Protein backbone atom coordinates (compact mmCIF):
# COMPACT_ATOMS: atom_id res chain seq x y z
CA MET A 1 12.93 7.26 -8.42
CA ALA A 2 11.47 3.97 -9.63
CA VAL A 3 13.40 0.85 -8.65
CA ALA A 4 15.02 -1.36 -11.29
CA ARG A 5 13.08 -4.53 -10.43
CA ARG A 6 9.29 -4.63 -10.18
CA LEU A 7 8.66 -5.30 -6.51
CA ARG A 8 5.41 -6.85 -5.21
CA VAL A 9 4.52 -4.75 -2.17
CA GLY A 10 1.44 -5.42 -0.09
CA VAL A 11 -0.72 -2.77 1.54
CA LEU A 12 -2.78 -3.99 4.49
CA ALA A 13 -6.23 -3.15 3.11
CA ILE A 14 -8.46 -3.87 6.09
CA GLN A 15 -9.16 -0.29 7.19
CA GLY A 16 -7.62 3.16 6.85
CA GLY A 17 -5.68 5.07 4.19
CA VAL A 18 -5.10 2.32 1.65
CA VAL A 19 -5.77 3.94 -1.76
CA GLU A 20 -3.10 6.63 -1.43
CA HIS A 21 -0.38 4.07 -0.61
CA LEU A 22 -1.41 1.93 -3.58
CA ALA A 23 -1.16 4.98 -5.86
CA MET A 24 2.29 5.95 -4.52
CA LEU A 25 3.61 2.42 -5.06
CA ARG A 26 2.32 2.42 -8.66
CA ARG A 27 3.92 5.83 -9.22
CA LEU A 28 7.29 4.38 -8.16
CA GLY A 29 7.00 1.35 -10.43
CA ALA A 30 6.13 -1.26 -7.83
CA GLU A 31 3.26 -3.77 -8.09
CA PRO A 32 0.87 -3.05 -5.20
CA VAL A 33 -1.09 -5.92 -3.66
CA GLU A 34 -4.12 -5.41 -1.40
CA VAL A 35 -3.73 -7.65 1.66
CA ARG A 36 -6.80 -8.77 3.58
CA LEU A 37 -6.33 -12.53 4.03
CA PRO A 38 -3.35 -14.82 4.77
CA GLU A 39 -3.10 -15.98 1.15
CA HIS A 40 -2.50 -12.39 0.04
CA LEU A 41 0.82 -12.44 1.92
CA VAL A 42 2.35 -15.03 -0.41
CA GLY A 43 5.18 -13.79 -2.63
CA LEU A 44 5.44 -10.26 -1.26
CA ASP A 45 8.72 -8.32 -1.24
CA GLY A 46 7.41 -6.03 1.52
CA ILE A 47 4.25 -4.70 3.17
CA ILE A 48 2.91 -1.29 4.17
CA LEU A 49 0.65 -0.95 7.22
CA PRO A 50 -1.31 2.28 6.67
CA GLY A 51 -2.84 4.83 8.98
CA GLY A 52 -6.35 4.33 10.30
CA GLU A 53 -7.75 3.20 13.65
CA SER A 54 -5.11 0.89 15.12
CA THR A 55 -7.43 -0.94 17.55
CA THR A 56 -9.90 -1.71 14.76
CA ILE A 57 -7.15 -2.80 12.36
CA GLY A 58 -5.61 -5.05 15.03
CA LYS A 59 -8.93 -6.72 15.84
CA LEU A 60 -9.74 -7.25 12.15
CA MET A 61 -6.27 -8.71 11.53
CA VAL A 62 -7.08 -11.27 14.22
CA ALA A 63 -10.56 -11.91 12.79
CA TYR A 64 -9.24 -12.39 9.24
CA GLY A 65 -6.41 -14.65 10.41
CA VAL A 66 -3.70 -12.31 9.11
CA ILE A 67 -1.88 -11.31 12.30
CA GLU A 68 -0.02 -14.55 13.07
CA PRO A 69 1.24 -15.32 9.55
CA LEU A 70 2.26 -11.68 9.08
CA ALA A 71 4.11 -11.62 12.41
CA ALA A 72 5.93 -14.80 11.35
CA LEU A 73 6.95 -13.25 8.02
CA LEU A 74 8.24 -10.13 9.80
CA ARG A 75 10.34 -12.32 12.10
CA GLN A 76 11.75 -14.00 8.98
CA GLY A 77 12.80 -10.62 7.55
CA LEU A 78 9.90 -9.38 5.41
CA PRO A 79 10.35 -5.58 5.13
CA ALA A 80 7.49 -3.54 6.57
CA TYR A 81 6.64 0.16 6.69
CA GLY A 82 4.10 1.33 9.27
CA THR A 83 2.62 4.82 8.98
CA CYS A 84 0.68 6.31 11.93
CA ALA A 85 -1.58 3.41 13.03
CA GLY A 86 0.81 1.08 11.22
CA MET A 87 3.61 2.28 13.49
CA ILE A 88 1.46 1.38 16.51
CA LEU A 89 0.85 -2.12 15.12
CA LEU A 90 4.58 -2.74 14.58
CA ALA A 91 5.63 -1.54 18.05
CA HIS A 92 6.85 -3.77 20.88
CA ASP A 93 5.10 -1.76 23.61
CA LEU A 94 2.12 0.64 23.76
CA GLY A 95 2.61 1.68 27.38
CA GLY A 96 -0.62 0.90 29.20
CA ALA A 97 -2.71 0.42 26.07
CA ARG A 98 -3.90 -3.07 25.14
CA GLN A 99 -4.65 -4.17 21.59
CA PRO A 100 -3.39 -6.77 19.08
CA ILE A 101 0.09 -5.83 17.79
CA LEU A 102 2.82 -7.44 15.67
CA ASP A 103 5.69 -6.68 18.08
CA ALA A 104 8.19 -6.27 15.22
CA MET A 105 10.18 -3.20 16.34
CA ASP A 106 11.81 -2.38 19.68
CA ILE A 107 9.95 0.88 20.32
CA THR A 108 7.36 2.13 22.79
CA VAL A 109 4.59 4.14 21.15
CA GLN A 110 2.03 6.50 22.67
CA ARG A 111 -1.22 6.55 20.71
CA ASN A 112 -3.02 9.83 19.86
CA ALA A 113 -0.14 11.73 21.47
CA PHE A 114 -1.23 15.11 20.12
CA GLY A 115 -4.94 14.86 20.87
CA SER A 116 -7.96 14.63 18.57
CA GLN A 117 -8.39 15.13 14.82
CA LEU A 118 -8.63 18.87 15.53
CA ASP A 119 -5.04 18.76 16.77
CA SER A 120 -3.70 17.46 13.46
CA PHE A 121 -0.82 19.47 11.98
CA GLU A 122 1.88 19.59 9.31
CA ALA A 123 5.63 20.07 9.66
CA GLU A 124 8.79 20.31 7.55
CA LEU A 125 11.15 17.57 8.73
CA LYS A 126 14.76 16.66 8.17
CA VAL A 127 14.64 12.90 7.54
CA SER A 128 17.91 10.99 7.70
CA GLY A 129 18.77 9.49 4.33
CA LEU A 130 16.38 11.63 2.28
CA GLY A 131 18.60 14.67 1.76
CA GLU A 132 17.15 18.04 0.76
CA PRO A 133 14.59 19.54 0.64
CA LEU A 134 12.88 18.99 3.99
CA PHE A 135 10.06 16.44 3.99
CA HIS A 136 6.53 17.87 4.28
CA ALA A 137 4.93 15.63 6.92
CA VAL A 138 1.19 15.40 7.67
CA PHE A 139 0.22 14.34 11.21
CA ILE A 140 -3.39 13.20 11.85
CA ARG A 141 -4.24 12.01 15.39
CA ALA A 142 -0.61 10.95 15.36
CA PRO A 143 1.24 8.68 17.77
CA VAL A 144 4.80 9.37 18.92
CA ILE A 145 7.75 7.16 19.76
CA GLU A 146 8.40 7.39 23.50
CA ARG A 147 11.33 4.93 23.62
CA LEU A 148 13.82 3.71 21.03
CA GLY A 149 15.46 0.34 21.67
CA PRO A 150 19.26 0.03 21.30
CA GLY A 151 18.98 -1.38 17.77
CA VAL A 152 16.63 1.34 16.48
CA ALA A 153 17.89 4.29 14.41
CA LEU A 154 16.10 7.63 14.75
CA LEU A 155 15.31 9.05 11.30
CA ALA A 156 13.28 12.17 12.12
CA ALA A 157 12.15 14.23 15.10
CA LEU A 158 9.98 17.28 15.69
CA PRO A 159 11.73 20.55 16.65
CA ASP A 160 11.20 19.70 20.34
CA GLY A 161 13.08 16.41 19.86
CA THR A 162 10.04 14.11 19.80
CA PRO A 163 10.90 11.05 17.62
CA VAL A 164 8.48 10.60 14.70
CA ALA A 165 10.30 8.24 12.30
CA ALA A 166 12.69 5.35 12.87
CA ARG A 167 14.17 2.22 11.35
CA GLN A 168 15.28 -1.10 12.80
CA GLY A 169 16.77 -3.35 10.14
CA HIS A 170 13.96 -4.29 7.75
CA ILE A 171 11.27 -2.34 9.68
CA LEU A 172 10.50 1.34 8.94
CA VAL A 173 7.95 3.49 10.80
CA SER A 174 6.68 7.06 10.73
CA ALA A 175 4.09 8.85 12.85
CA PHE A 176 3.15 10.94 9.82
CA HIS A 177 1.34 10.12 6.55
CA PRO A 178 3.79 10.30 3.61
CA GLU A 179 1.08 9.13 1.22
CA LEU A 180 -0.92 12.35 1.70
CA GLY A 181 1.72 14.66 0.23
CA GLY A 182 3.25 14.58 -3.22
CA ASP A 183 6.72 13.61 -1.98
CA PRO A 184 7.53 9.97 -2.81
CA ARG A 185 10.85 9.78 -0.93
CA MET A 186 9.67 7.82 2.13
CA HIS A 187 8.07 5.21 -0.12
CA ALA A 188 11.20 5.17 -2.30
CA LEU A 189 13.30 4.56 0.81
CA PHE A 190 11.06 1.63 1.72
CA LEU A 191 11.21 0.18 -1.80
CA ALA A 192 15.01 0.38 -1.63
CA MET A 193 14.81 -1.64 1.63
CA CYS A 194 12.58 -4.20 -0.12
CA ASP A 195 14.95 -4.39 -3.08
CA GLU A 196 17.91 -4.90 -0.76
CA ALA A 197 16.10 -7.66 1.17
CA ALA A 198 15.04 -9.41 -2.04
CA ALA A 199 18.61 -9.37 -3.36
């Protein structure tokens, strides 16, 4: 499933599940870049915002001077994939919650929608564009999408209809952690988006 051209894809490496995303990108033939400072954003074909603690990541992005230049690149069309906390950071609205965000996708997200770490779970999901088999999704203190804007495509939902993955143009999000399973298809989908944008 490796892409034809070697893509340089950043992983925001401030806090959270960074190593697993780096490994998945290498597995698919991309060149992963750890992003902590503004200069690390130069020359990227895309960026992954991993799971972790979204409030902490947001505050550290401000402290390290990354949030404004990254937000500008996203507005210019840099592809981004946010998983769990990364989805929170890319959202337009967090309901009543207040924290630094990138406001890159027209969704409203509820943080920790399922409760604490003890309420983590796994599910087999039908994800639009991935085909068969079902995608094994790992949810850890996961958020959910409460509202999808008119330009946002729903990619996956739980059996009760709760949206947990979506795409708006060059922005991809999932409430689950695709890096924690062995299935590379979500990352391959994102690399295809990066390849398309670069072309």
